[in-house]
């Protein structure tokens, strides 16, 4: 039973560390669903004011 608990703790800690690295340290453009920027303006003339 203790071995099962250690395996579950290892999985939880590992997934938490992967999440933290992905969230704060890894550049977003390296991930498949990275930052997507839109180049749309608010008006008809395409001034890009917002």
PDB file of N, CA and C in Angstrom:
ATOM      1  N   UNK A   1       0.822  -1.198   0.000  1.00  0.00           N
ATOM      2  CA  UNK A   1       0.000   0.000   0.000  1.00  0.00           C
ATOM      3  C   UNK A   1       0.864   1.260   0.000  1.00  0.00           C
ATOM      4  N   UNK A   2       1.992   1.190   0.706  1.00  0.00           N
ATOM      5  CA  UNK A   2       2.865   2.352   0.756  1.00  0.00           C
ATOM      6  C   UNK A   2       3.468   2.644  -0.616  1.00  0.00           C
ATOM      7  N   UNK A   3       3.766   1.621  -1.377  1.00  0.00           N
ATOM      8  CA  UNK A   3       4.312   1.808  -2.716  1.00  0.00           C
ATOM      9  C   UNK A   3       3.309   2.521  -3.619  1.00  0.00           C
ATOM     10  N   UNK A   4       2.057   2.159  -3.529  1.00  0.00           N
ATOM     11  CA  UNK A   4       1.012   2.813  -4.317  1.00  0.00           C
ATOM     12  C   UNK A   4       0.907   4.287  -3.953  1.00  0.00           C
ATOM     13  N   UNK A   5       0.979   4.609  -2.671  1.00  0.00           N
ATOM     14  CA  UNK A   5       0.912   6.000  -2.236  1.00  0.00           C
ATOM     15  C   UNK A   5       2.109   6.792  -2.755  1.00  0.00           C
ATOM     16  N   UNK A   6       3.274   6.200  -2.736  1.00  0.00           N
ATOM     17  CA  UNK A   6       4.461   6.892  -3.232  1.00  0.00           C
ATOM     18  C   UNK A   6       4.371   7.137  -4.733  1.00  0.00           C
ATOM     19  N   UNK A   7       3.831   6.190  -5.458  1.00  0.00           N
ATOM     20  CA  UNK A   7       3.654   6.367  -6.901  1.00  0.00           C
ATOM     21  C   UNK A   7       2.664   7.493  -7.179  1.00  0.00           C
ATOM     22  N   UNK A   8       1.563   7.533  -6.455  1.00  0.00           N
ATOM     23  CA  UNK A   8       0.569   8.592  -6.646  1.00  0.00           C
ATOM     24  C   UNK A   8       1.139   9.962  -6.294  1.00  0.00           C
ATOM     25  N   UNK A   9       1.923  10.043  -5.231  1.00  0.00           N
ATOM     26  CA  UNK A   9       2.548  11.308  -4.852  1.00  0.00           C
ATOM     27  C   UNK A   9       3.526  11.749  -5.935  1.00  0.00           C
ATOM     28  N   UNK A  10       4.306  10.813  -6.457  1.00  0.00           N
ATOM     29  CA  UNK A  10       5.248  11.135  -7.528  1.00  0.00           C
ATOM     30  C   UNK A  10       4.518  11.666  -8.758  1.00  0.00           C
ATOM     31  N   UNK A  11       3.419  11.044  -9.125  1.00  0.00           N
ATOM     32  CA  UNK A  11       2.644  11.500 -10.285  1.00  0.00           C
ATOM     33  C   UNK A  11       2.068  12.895 -10.040  1.00  0.00           C
ATOM     34  N   UNK A  12       1.527  13.134  -8.861  1.00  0.00           N
ATOM     35  CA  UNK A  12       0.945  14.447  -8.549  1.00  0.00           C
ATOM     36  C   UNK A  12       2.004  15.541  -8.539  1.00  0.00           C
ATOM     37  N   UNK A  13       3.124  15.281  -7.890  1.00  0.00           N
ATOM     38  CA  UNK A  13       4.195  16.281  -7.834  1.00  0.00           C
ATOM     39  C   UNK A  13       4.777  16.521  -9.223  1.00  0.00           C
ATOM     40  N   UNK A  14       4.948  15.469  -9.989  1.00  0.00           N
ATOM     41  CA  UNK A  14       5.468  15.620 -11.346  1.00  0.00           C
ATOM     42  C   UNK A  14       4.546  16.435 -12.235  1.00  0.00           C
ATOM     43  N   UNK A  15       3.257  16.166 -12.163  1.00  0.00           N
ATOM     44  CA  UNK A  15       2.325  16.928 -12.992  1.00  0.00           C
ATOM     45  C   UNK A  15       2.233  18.380 -12.535  1.00  0.00           C
ATOM     46  N   UNK A  16       2.342  18.634 -11.237  1.00  0.00           N
ATOM     47  CA  UNK A  16       2.340  20.007 -10.741  1.00  0.00           C
ATOM     48  C   UNK A  16       3.583  20.757 -11.210  1.00  0.00           C
ATOM     49  N   UNK A  17       4.720  20.088 -11.213  1.00  0.00           N
ATOM     50  CA  UNK A  17       5.947  20.738 -11.680  1.00  0.00           C
ATOM     51  C   UNK A  17       5.887  21.032 -13.179  1.00  0.00           C
ATOM     52  N   UNK A  18       5.343  20.104 -13.952  1.00  0.00           N
ATOM     53  CA  UNK A  18       5.187  20.347 -15.395  1.00  0.00           C
ATOM     54  C   UNK A  18       4.263  21.526 -15.630  1.00  0.00           C
ATOM     55  N   UNK A  19       3.180  21.628 -14.883  1.00  0.00           N
ATOM     56  CA  UNK A  19       2.256  22.746 -15.022  1.00  0.00           C
ATOM     57  C   UNK A  19       2.947  24.072 -14.694  1.00  0.00           C
ATOM     58  N   UNK A  20       3.714  24.109 -13.607  1.00  0.00           N
ATOM     59  CA  UNK A  20       4.374  25.349 -13.202  1.00  0.00           C
ATOM     60  C   UNK A  20       5.423  25.774 -14.233  1.00  0.00           C
ATOM     61  N   UNK A  21       6.171  24.825 -14.758  1.00  0.00           N
ATOM     62  CA  UNK A  21       7.169  25.160 -15.772  1.00  0.00           C
ATOM     63  C   UNK A  21       6.482  25.672 -17.025  1.00  0.00           C
ATOM     64  N   UNK A  22       5.420  25.005 -17.427  1.00  0.00           N
ATOM     65  CA  UNK A  22       4.683  25.434 -18.627  1.00  0.00           C
ATOM     66  C   UNK A  22       4.061  26.804 -18.426  1.00  0.00           C
ATOM     67  N   UNK A  23       3.532  27.054 -17.263  1.00  0.00           N
ATOM     68  CA  UNK A  23       2.825  28.305 -17.000  1.00  0.00           C
ATOM     69  C   UNK A  23       3.769  29.497 -16.874  1.00  0.00           C
ATOM     70  N   UNK A  24       4.899  29.339 -16.188  1.00  0.00           N
ATOM     71  CA  UNK A  24       5.708  30.493 -15.841  1.00  0.00           C
ATOM     72  C   UNK A  24       7.078  30.560 -16.513  1.00  0.00           C
ATOM     73  N   UNK A  25       7.672  29.463 -16.899  1.00  0.00           N
ATOM     74  CA  UNK A  25       9.042  29.501 -17.391  1.00  0.00           C
ATOM     75  C   UNK A  25       9.183  29.242 -18.881  1.00  0.00           C
ATOM     76  N   UNK A  26       8.360  28.402 -19.429  1.00  0.00           N
ATOM     77  CA  UNK A  26       8.484  28.004 -20.827  1.00  0.00           C
ATOM     78  C   UNK A  26       7.853  29.061 -21.738  1.00  0.00           C
ATOM     79  N   UNK A  27       8.529  29.498 -22.795  1.00  0.00           N
ATOM     80  CA  UNK A  27       7.924  30.468 -23.715  1.00  0.00           C
ATOM     81  C   UNK A  27       6.668  29.904 -24.377  1.00  0.00           C
ATOM     82  N   UNK A  28       5.679  30.732 -24.491  1.00  0.00           N
ATOM     83  CA  UNK A  28       4.377  30.280 -24.993  1.00  0.00           C
ATOM     84  C   UNK A  28       4.428  29.854 -26.458  1.00  0.00           C
ATOM     85  N   UNK A  29       5.334  30.426 -27.251  1.00  0.00           N
ATOM     86  CA  UNK A  29       5.352  30.074 -28.671  1.00  0.00           C
ATOM     87  C   UNK A  29       5.947  28.697 -28.923  1.00  0.00           C
ATOM     88  N   UNK A  30       6.516  28.047 -27.920  1.00  0.00           N
ATOM     89  CA  UNK A  30       7.033  26.691 -28.078  1.00  0.00           C
ATOM     90  C   UNK A  30       5.944  25.644 -27.918  1.00  0.00           C
ATOM     91  N   UNK A  31       4.811  26.006 -27.351  1.00  0.00           N
ATOM     92  CA  UNK A  31       3.715  25.061 -27.131  1.00  0.00           C
ATOM     93  C   UNK A  31       2.780  25.097 -28.331  1.00  0.00           C
ATOM     94  N   UNK A  32       2.098  23.991 -28.611  1.00  0.00           N
ATOM     95  CA  UNK A  32       1.224  23.941 -29.798  1.00  0.00           C
ATOM     96  C   UNK A  32       0.131  25.003 -29.798  1.00  0.00           C
ATOM     97  N   UNK A  33      -0.447  25.306 -28.654  1.00  0.00           N
ATOM     98  CA  UNK A  33      -1.509  26.304 -28.576  1.00  0.00           C
ATOM     99  C   UNK A  33      -0.963  27.572 -27.943  1.00  0.00           C
ATOM    100  N   UNK A  34       0.074  28.131 -28.533  1.00  0.00           N
ATOM    101  CA  UNK A  34       0.746  29.298 -27.979  1.00  0.00           C
ATOM    102  C   UNK A  34      -0.106  30.549 -28.073  1.00  0.00           C
ATOM    103  N   UNK A  35       0.528  31.678 -27.876  1.00  0.00           N
ATOM    104  CA  UNK A  35      -0.170  32.955 -27.882  1.00  0.00           C
ATOM    105  C   UNK A  35      -0.639  33.262 -29.302  1.00  0.00           C
ATOM    106  N   UNK A  36      -1.894  33.613 -29.410  1.00  0.00           N
ATOM    107  CA  UNK A  36      -2.457  33.988 -30.690  1.00  0.00           C
ATOM    108  C   UNK A  36      -2.857  35.461 -30.615  1.00  0.00           C
ATOM    109  N   UNK A  37      -2.249  36.271 -31.471  1.00  0.00           N
ATOM    110  CA  UNK A  37      -2.533  37.697 -31.480  1.00  0.00           C
ATOM    111  C   UNK A  37      -3.391  38.024 -32.692  1.00  0.00           C
ATOM    112  N   UNK A  38      -4.363  38.863 -32.480  1.00  0.00           N
ATOM    113  CA  UNK A  38      -5.203  39.304 -33.579  1.00  0.00           C
ATOM    114  C   UNK A  38      -4.785  40.708 -33.974  1.00  0.00           C
ATOM    115  N   UNK A  39      -4.849  40.993 -35.227  1.00  0.00           N
ATOM    116  CA  UNK A  39      -4.466  42.297 -35.758  1.00  0.00           C
ATOM    117  C   UNK A  39      -5.704  43.015 -36.294  1.00  0.00           C
ATOM    118  N   UNK A  40      -6.727  43.100 -35.482  1.00  0.00           N
ATOM    119  CA  UNK A  40      -7.963  43.732 -35.930  1.00  0.00           C
ATOM    120  C   UNK A  40      -8.140  45.070 -35.229  1.00  0.00           C
ATOM    121  N   UNK A  41      -8.613  46.028 -35.963  1.00  0.00           N
ATOM    122  CA  UNK A  41      -8.908  47.333 -35.398  1.00  0.00           C
ATOM    123  C   UNK A  41     -10.373  47.433 -35.010  1.00  0.00           C
ATOM    124  N   UNK A  42     -10.737  48.580 -34.467  1.00  0.00           N
ATOM    125  CA  UNK A  42     -12.111  48.751 -33.997  1.00  0.00           C
ATOM    126  C   UNK A  42     -13.015  49.343 -35.056  1.00  0.00           C
ATOM    127  N   UNK A  43     -12.442  50.002 -36.037  1.00  0.00           N
ATOM    128  CA  UNK A  43     -13.265  50.671 -37.034  1.00  0.00           C
ATOM    129  C   UNK A  43     -13.110  50.066 -38.405  1.00  0.00           C
ATOM    130  N   UNK A  44     -13.671  50.760 -39.388  1.00  0.00           N
ATOM    131  CA  UNK A  44     -13.612  50.288 -40.769  1.00  0.00           C
ATOM    132  C   UNK A  44     -12.283  50.634 -41.457  1.00  0.00           C
ATOM    133  N   UNK A  45     -11.569  51.619 -40.920  1.00  0.00           N
ATOM    134  CA  UNK A  45     -10.351  52.079 -41.607  1.00  0.00           C
ATOM    135  C   UNK A  45      -9.116  51.258 -41.228  1.00  0.00           C
ATOM    136  N   UNK A  46      -9.208  50.355 -40.248  1.00  0.00           N
ATOM    137  CA  UNK A  46      -8.090  49.493 -39.885  1.00  0.00           C
ATOM    138  C   UNK A  46      -6.972  50.227 -39.164  1.00  0.00           C
ATOM    139  N   UNK A  47      -7.332  51.235 -38.372  1.00  0.00           N
ATOM    140  CA  UNK A  47      -6.300  52.019 -37.685  1.00  0.00           C
ATOM    141  C   UNK A  47      -5.669  51.249 -36.531  1.00  0.00           C
ATOM    142  N   UNK A  48      -6.314  50.230 -36.010  1.00  0.00           N
ATOM    143  CA  UNK A  48      -5.770  49.453 -34.903  1.00  0.00           C
ATOM    144  C   UNK A  48      -5.790  50.196 -33.580  1.00  0.00           C
ATOM    145  N   UNK A  49      -6.824  50.981 -33.349  1.00  0.00           N
ATOM    146  CA  UNK A  49      -6.851  51.827 -32.158  1.00  0.00           C
ATOM    147  C   UNK A  49      -7.139  51.058 -30.867  1.00  0.00           C
ATOM    148  N   UNK A  50      -7.601  49.837 -30.945  1.00  0.00           N
ATOM    149  CA  UNK A  50      -7.859  49.070 -29.705  1.00  0.00           C
ATOM    150  C   UNK A  50      -7.085  47.795 -29.737  1.00  0.00           C
TER     151      UNK A  50
END
